[in-house]
Each structure stands twice: as C-alpha cells, then as structure tokens.
Amino acid sequence: MSERNKEVVRRCIEQAVNTGNLNVAEELIANDYVYHEPTAGEKRGREGFKQLITMYRTAFPDVRLTIEQQIAEGDLVVTRWTARGTHRGELFGAAPTNKQITVQGVVISRISNGKIVEEFESYDALGMLRQIGSVQSSRAAA
C-alpha cells in the first residue's frame, strides 16, 4: 500500500506540476481535497488544486519538481522536493523577472482510496521571493 500511495503522489507531481496536465486531477485528487500552505493559503477540491498548479505554472512555466525523497507510512506520504524554473509570470504581485529559481520543500500527502485527500506543504517561500527580487536579503539591506 505504501508503494502505491507514493506512486499516486509521484504521478501527481510528474503529470500535473511538471507537464501541466490538470486532467489528472480527476483521477488522483479527491472531491473533498484540502491543501494547507501559508503562502498560497488553503485550497479546496479539485478546482482549488487546479488553481494552485495554474498559479505556479503561470509564474514559472518551465517549472520542474524533482522528487528527492519519499517516505510512506499508512495513508501518509512525505515527499521532499526541489523545484527549478524561470520567473516568467506574475507571482504574489511580483512582475516577471526572467530569473532562474531553485526552491526546496516538503509536502505531506494523505491518500484515501487511491486519491490525495489532504496535503500540508512547506517550502522556502522567502528564498524564492529573494531569488526573484521581491524581498531583499538581510546582507543586501545592511
């Protein structure tokens, strides 16, 4: 079961995030899906999932998430990832800069009946905003 759950998360990252195939949400995301992350806020349902992916793919159309590690136990899958992309669209009010970014994060996904029902994500949002120039580093400010 743990390997099957890891595969669900892996397919979601590879197909929805990396290629922009939002149709995969019908197969891999539960109707009552809930996403928790402080920067983007809570998202609900398949439409919330699609909005989240669209927001990041609009800002970084060439985004590529690489799965660095996955650990599964019971109905939970923990995925440590690295994202790389070019800031070519608006993000959180920041105009495109064409700067390359590299960001690391972790997502905890809860799986039920072969679908993702809930996710808690944490990533280096401050580092991402620094890389696109929206936030000045403390060294530069000093």
C-alpha atoms as a PDB file:
ATOM      1  CA  MET A   1       0.000   0.000   0.000  1.00  0.00           C
ATOM      2  CA  SER A   2       2.797   2.448   0.843  1.00  0.00           C
ATOM      3  CA  GLU A   3       4.375   2.000  -2.595  1.00  0.00           C
ATOM      4  CA  ARG A   4       1.006   2.554  -4.294  1.00  0.00           C
ATOM      5  CA  ASN A   5       0.474   5.737  -2.282  1.00  0.00           C
ATOM      6  CA  LYS A   6       3.934   7.009  -3.221  1.00  0.00           C
ATOM      7  CA  GLU A   7       3.115   6.354  -6.868  1.00  0.00           C
ATOM      8  CA  VAL A   8      -0.083   8.450  -6.603  1.00  0.00           C
ATOM      9  CA  VAL A   9       1.907  11.433  -5.310  1.00  0.00           C
ATOM     10  CA  ARG A  10       4.700  10.860  -7.835  1.00  0.00           C
ATOM     11  CA  ARG A  11       2.231  10.780 -10.753  1.00  0.00           C
ATOM     12  CA  CYS A  12       0.540  13.931  -9.495  1.00  0.00           C
ATOM     13  CA  ILE A  13       3.856  15.807  -9.357  1.00  0.00           C
ATOM     14  CA  GLU A  14       5.113  14.499 -12.689  1.00  0.00           C
ATOM     15  CA  GLN A  15       1.875  14.991 -14.622  1.00  0.00           C
ATOM     16  CA  ALA A  16       0.109  17.970 -13.016  1.00  0.00           C
ATOM     17  CA  VAL A  17       3.054  20.055 -11.842  1.00  0.00           C
ATOM     18  CA  ASN A  18       5.785  19.188 -14.335  1.00  0.00           C
ATOM     19  CA  THR A  19       3.696  18.917 -17.515  1.00  0.00           C
ATOM     20  CA  GLY A  20       0.625  20.977 -16.614  1.00  0.00           C
ATOM     21  CA  ASN A  21      -1.785  18.097 -17.271  1.00  0.00           C
ATOM     22  CA  LEU A  22      -4.636  19.188 -14.984  1.00  0.00           C
ATOM     23  CA  ASN A  23      -6.914  16.414 -16.263  1.00  0.00           C
ATOM     24  CA  VAL A  24      -5.016  14.059 -13.963  1.00  0.00           C
ATOM     25  CA  ALA A  25      -6.806  15.750 -11.045  1.00  0.00           C
ATOM     26  CA  GLU A  26      -9.946  13.756 -11.877  1.00  0.00           C
ATOM     27  CA  GLU A  27      -8.036  10.527 -11.267  1.00  0.00           C
ATOM     28  CA  LEU A  28      -5.657  11.495  -8.438  1.00  0.00           C
ATOM     29  CA  ILE A  29      -7.359  14.264  -6.400  1.00  0.00           C
ATOM     30  CA  ALA A  30     -10.373  13.584  -4.160  1.00  0.00           C
ATOM     31  CA  ASN A  31     -13.518  15.716  -4.413  1.00  0.00           C
ATOM     32  CA  ASP A  32     -13.014  16.896  -0.836  1.00  0.00           C
ATOM     33  CA  TYR A  33      -9.286  17.630  -1.236  1.00  0.00           C
ATOM     34  CA  VAL A  34      -7.831  20.233   1.145  1.00  0.00           C
ATOM     35  CA  TYR A  35      -4.414  21.912   0.683  1.00  0.00           C
ATOM     36  CA  HIS A  36      -2.712  23.747   3.541  1.00  0.00           C
ATOM     37  CA  GLU A  37       0.228  26.116   2.970  1.00  0.00           C
ATOM     38  CA  PRO A  38       0.730  29.590   4.472  1.00  0.00           C
ATOM     39  CA  THR A  39       1.836  31.451   1.321  1.00  0.00           C
ATOM     40  CA  ALA A  40      -0.883  30.373  -1.125  1.00  0.00           C
ATOM     41  CA  GLY A  41      -3.442  29.724   1.599  1.00  0.00           C
ATOM     42  CA  GLU A  42      -5.919  26.897   1.892  1.00  0.00           C
ATOM     43  CA  LYS A  43      -7.275  25.422  -1.336  1.00  0.00           C
ATOM     44  CA  ARG A  44     -10.263  23.078  -1.525  1.00  0.00           C
ATOM     45  CA  GLY A  45     -11.465  20.490  -4.012  1.00  0.00           C
ATOM     46  CA  ARG A  46     -10.181  19.653  -7.451  1.00  0.00           C
ATOM     47  CA  GLU A  47     -10.753  23.218  -8.618  1.00  0.00           C
ATOM     48  CA  GLY A  48      -8.632  24.537  -5.748  1.00  0.00           C
ATOM     49  CA  PHE A  49      -5.890  22.083  -6.726  1.00  0.00           C
ATOM     50  CA  LYS A  50      -6.077  23.237 -10.352  1.00  0.00           C
ATOM     51  CA  GLN A  51      -5.943  26.912  -9.304  1.00  0.00           C
ATOM     52  CA  LEU A  52      -2.828  26.234  -7.222  1.00  0.00           C
ATOM     53  CA  ILE A  53      -0.995  24.435 -10.027  1.00  0.00           C
ATOM     54  CA  THR A  54      -2.077  27.080 -12.563  1.00  0.00           C
ATOM     55  CA  MET A  55      -0.811  29.905 -10.330  1.00  0.00           C
ATOM     56  CA  TYR A  56       2.685  28.404 -10.035  1.00  0.00           C
ATOM     57  CA  ARG A  57       2.875  27.241 -13.673  1.00  0.00           C
ATOM     58  CA  THR A  58       1.840  30.725 -14.826  1.00  0.00           C
ATOM     59  CA  ALA A  59       4.640  32.258 -12.762  1.00  0.00           C
ATOM     60  CA  PHE A  60       7.154  29.511 -13.697  1.00  0.00           C
ATOM     61  CA  PRO A  61       6.003  27.908 -16.993  1.00  0.00           C
ATOM     62  CA  ASP A  62       9.121  25.730 -17.170  1.00  0.00           C
ATOM     63  CA  VAL A  63       8.877  24.572 -13.543  1.00  0.00           C
ATOM     64  CA  ARG A  64      10.267  21.149 -12.830  1.00  0.00           C
ATOM     65  CA  LEU A  65       9.843  19.469  -9.454  1.00  0.00           C
ATOM     66  CA  THR A  66      12.355  16.739  -8.739  1.00  0.00           C
ATOM     67  CA  ILE A  67      11.444  14.235  -6.067  1.00  0.00           C
ATOM     68  CA  GLU A  68      14.480  13.922  -3.828  1.00  0.00           C
ATOM     69  CA  GLN A  69      12.997  11.501  -1.302  1.00  0.00           C
ATOM     70  CA  GLN A  70       9.697   9.861  -0.396  1.00  0.00           C
ATOM     71  CA  ILE A  71       8.711   8.146   2.830  1.00  0.00           C
ATOM     72  CA  ALA A  72       5.355   6.448   3.282  1.00  0.00           C
ATOM     73  CA  GLU A  73       3.600   5.036   6.316  1.00  0.00           C
ATOM     74  CA  GLY A  74      -0.053   4.066   6.447  1.00  0.00           C
ATOM     75  CA  ASP A  75      -2.075   6.615   4.496  1.00  0.00           C
ATOM     76  CA  LEU A  76       0.654   9.304   4.567  1.00  0.00           C
ATOM     77  CA  VAL A  77       3.382  10.079   2.025  1.00  0.00           C
ATOM     78  CA  VAL A  78       6.130  12.591   2.783  1.00  0.00           C
ATOM     79  CA  THR A  79       7.856  13.954  -0.306  1.00  0.00           C
ATOM     80  CA  ARG A  80      10.978  16.116  -0.194  1.00  0.00           C
ATOM     81  CA  TRP A  81      11.356  18.007  -3.465  1.00  0.00           C
ATOM     82  CA  THR A  82      13.442  20.572  -5.325  1.00  0.00           C
ATOM     83  CA  ALA A  83      11.794  22.931  -7.824  1.00  0.00           C
ATOM     84  CA  ARG A  84      13.594  24.775 -10.594  1.00  0.00           C
ATOM     85  CA  GLY A  85      12.115  27.252 -13.007  1.00  0.00           C
ATOM     86  CA  THR A  86      12.224  30.675 -14.621  1.00  0.00           C
ATOM     87  CA  HIS A  87      10.069  33.522 -13.289  1.00  0.00           C
ATOM     88  CA  ARG A  88       8.137  34.462 -16.432  1.00  0.00           C
ATOM     89  CA  GLY A  89       4.745  35.378 -14.976  1.00  0.00           C
ATOM     90  CA  GLU A  90       3.285  37.373 -12.085  1.00  0.00           C
ATOM     91  CA  LEU A  91       3.558  35.769  -8.636  1.00  0.00           C
ATOM     92  CA  PHE A  92       2.107  37.263  -5.444  1.00  0.00           C
ATOM     93  CA  GLY A  93       2.133  40.681  -7.108  1.00  0.00           C
ATOM     94  CA  ALA A  94       5.731  40.399  -8.371  1.00  0.00           C
ATOM     95  CA  ALA A  95       6.157  41.125 -12.079  1.00  0.00           C
ATOM     96  CA  PRO A  96       8.134  38.592 -14.158  1.00  0.00           C
ATOM     97  CA  THR A  97      11.919  38.910 -13.828  1.00  0.00           C
ATOM     98  CA  ASN A  98      13.129  36.034 -16.049  1.00  0.00           C
ATOM     99  CA  LYS A  99      15.306  34.954 -13.106  1.00  0.00           C
ATOM    100  CA  GLN A 100      16.057  31.297 -12.503  1.00  0.00           C
ATOM    101  CA  ILE A 101      14.988  29.939  -9.117  1.00  0.00           C
ATOM    102  CA  THR A 102      15.732  26.816  -7.127  1.00  0.00           C
ATOM    103  CA  VAL A 103      13.497  26.088  -4.142  1.00  0.00           C
ATOM    104  CA  GLN A 104      13.262  23.145  -1.773  1.00  0.00           C
ATOM    105  CA  GLY A 105      10.220  21.955   0.104  1.00  0.00           C
ATOM    106  CA  VAL A 106       8.312  19.118   1.718  1.00  0.00           C
ATOM    107  CA  VAL A 107       4.708  18.022   1.221  1.00  0.00           C
ATOM    108  CA  ILE A 108       2.813  15.563   3.408  1.00  0.00           C
ATOM    109  CA  SER A 109       0.019  13.927   1.416  1.00  0.00           C
ATOM    110  CA  ARG A 110      -2.803  11.850   2.874  1.00  0.00           C
ATOM    111  CA  ILE A 111      -4.152   9.208   0.487  1.00  0.00           C
ATOM    112  CA  SER A 112      -7.543   7.502   0.615  1.00  0.00           C
ATOM    113  CA  ASN A 113      -8.868   5.065  -1.979  1.00  0.00           C
ATOM    114  CA  GLY A 114      -6.021   5.917  -4.361  1.00  0.00           C
ATOM    115  CA  LYS A 115      -6.608   9.691  -4.268  1.00  0.00           C
ATOM    116  CA  ILE A 116      -4.939  12.580  -2.486  1.00  0.00           C
ATOM    117  CA  VAL A 117      -7.404  13.955   0.075  1.00  0.00           C
ATOM    118  CA  GLU A 118      -5.250  16.373   2.053  1.00  0.00           C
ATOM    119  CA  GLU A 119      -1.816  17.981   1.831  1.00  0.00           C
ATOM    120  CA  PHE A 120       0.338  20.049   4.142  1.00  0.00           C
ATOM    121  CA  GLU A 121       3.181  21.782   2.321  1.00  0.00           C
ATOM    122  CA  SER A 122       6.127  23.827   3.481  1.00  0.00           C
ATOM    123  CA  TYR A 123       8.750  25.313   1.189  1.00  0.00           C
ATOM    124  CA  ASP A 124      11.353  28.059   1.188  1.00  0.00           C
ATOM    125  CA  ALA A 125       8.976  30.818   0.094  1.00  0.00           C
ATOM    126  CA  LEU A 126      11.273  33.551   1.437  1.00  0.00           C
ATOM    127  CA  GLY A 127      14.197  32.140  -0.554  1.00  0.00           C
ATOM    128  CA  MET A 128      12.039  32.011  -3.680  1.00  0.00           C
ATOM    129  CA  LEU A 129      10.946  35.642  -3.216  1.00  0.00           C
ATOM    130  CA  ARG A 130      14.574  36.682  -2.658  1.00  0.00           C
ATOM    131  CA  GLN A 131      15.637  34.912  -5.837  1.00  0.00           C
ATOM    132  CA  ILE A 132      13.051  36.785  -7.930  1.00  0.00           C
ATOM    133  CA  GLY A 133      13.982  40.062  -6.225  1.00  0.00           C
ATOM    134  CA  SER A 134      10.721  40.652  -4.332  1.00  0.00           C
ATOM    135  CA  VAL A 135      12.451  40.544  -0.962  1.00  0.00           C
ATOM    136  CA  GLN A 136      15.891  41.919  -0.234  1.00  0.00           C
ATOM    137  CA  SER A 137      18.322  39.698   1.645  1.00  0.00           C
ATOM    138  CA  SER A 138      19.438  40.875   5.072  1.00  0.00           C
ATOM    139  CA  ARG A 139      23.028  41.234   3.772  1.00  0.00           C
ATOM    140  CA  ALA A 140      21.928  43.490   0.922  1.00  0.00           C
ATOM    141  CA  ALA A 141      19.785  45.556   3.297  1.00  0.00           C
ATOM    142  CA  ALA A 142      22.736  46.040   5.647  1.00  0.00           C
END
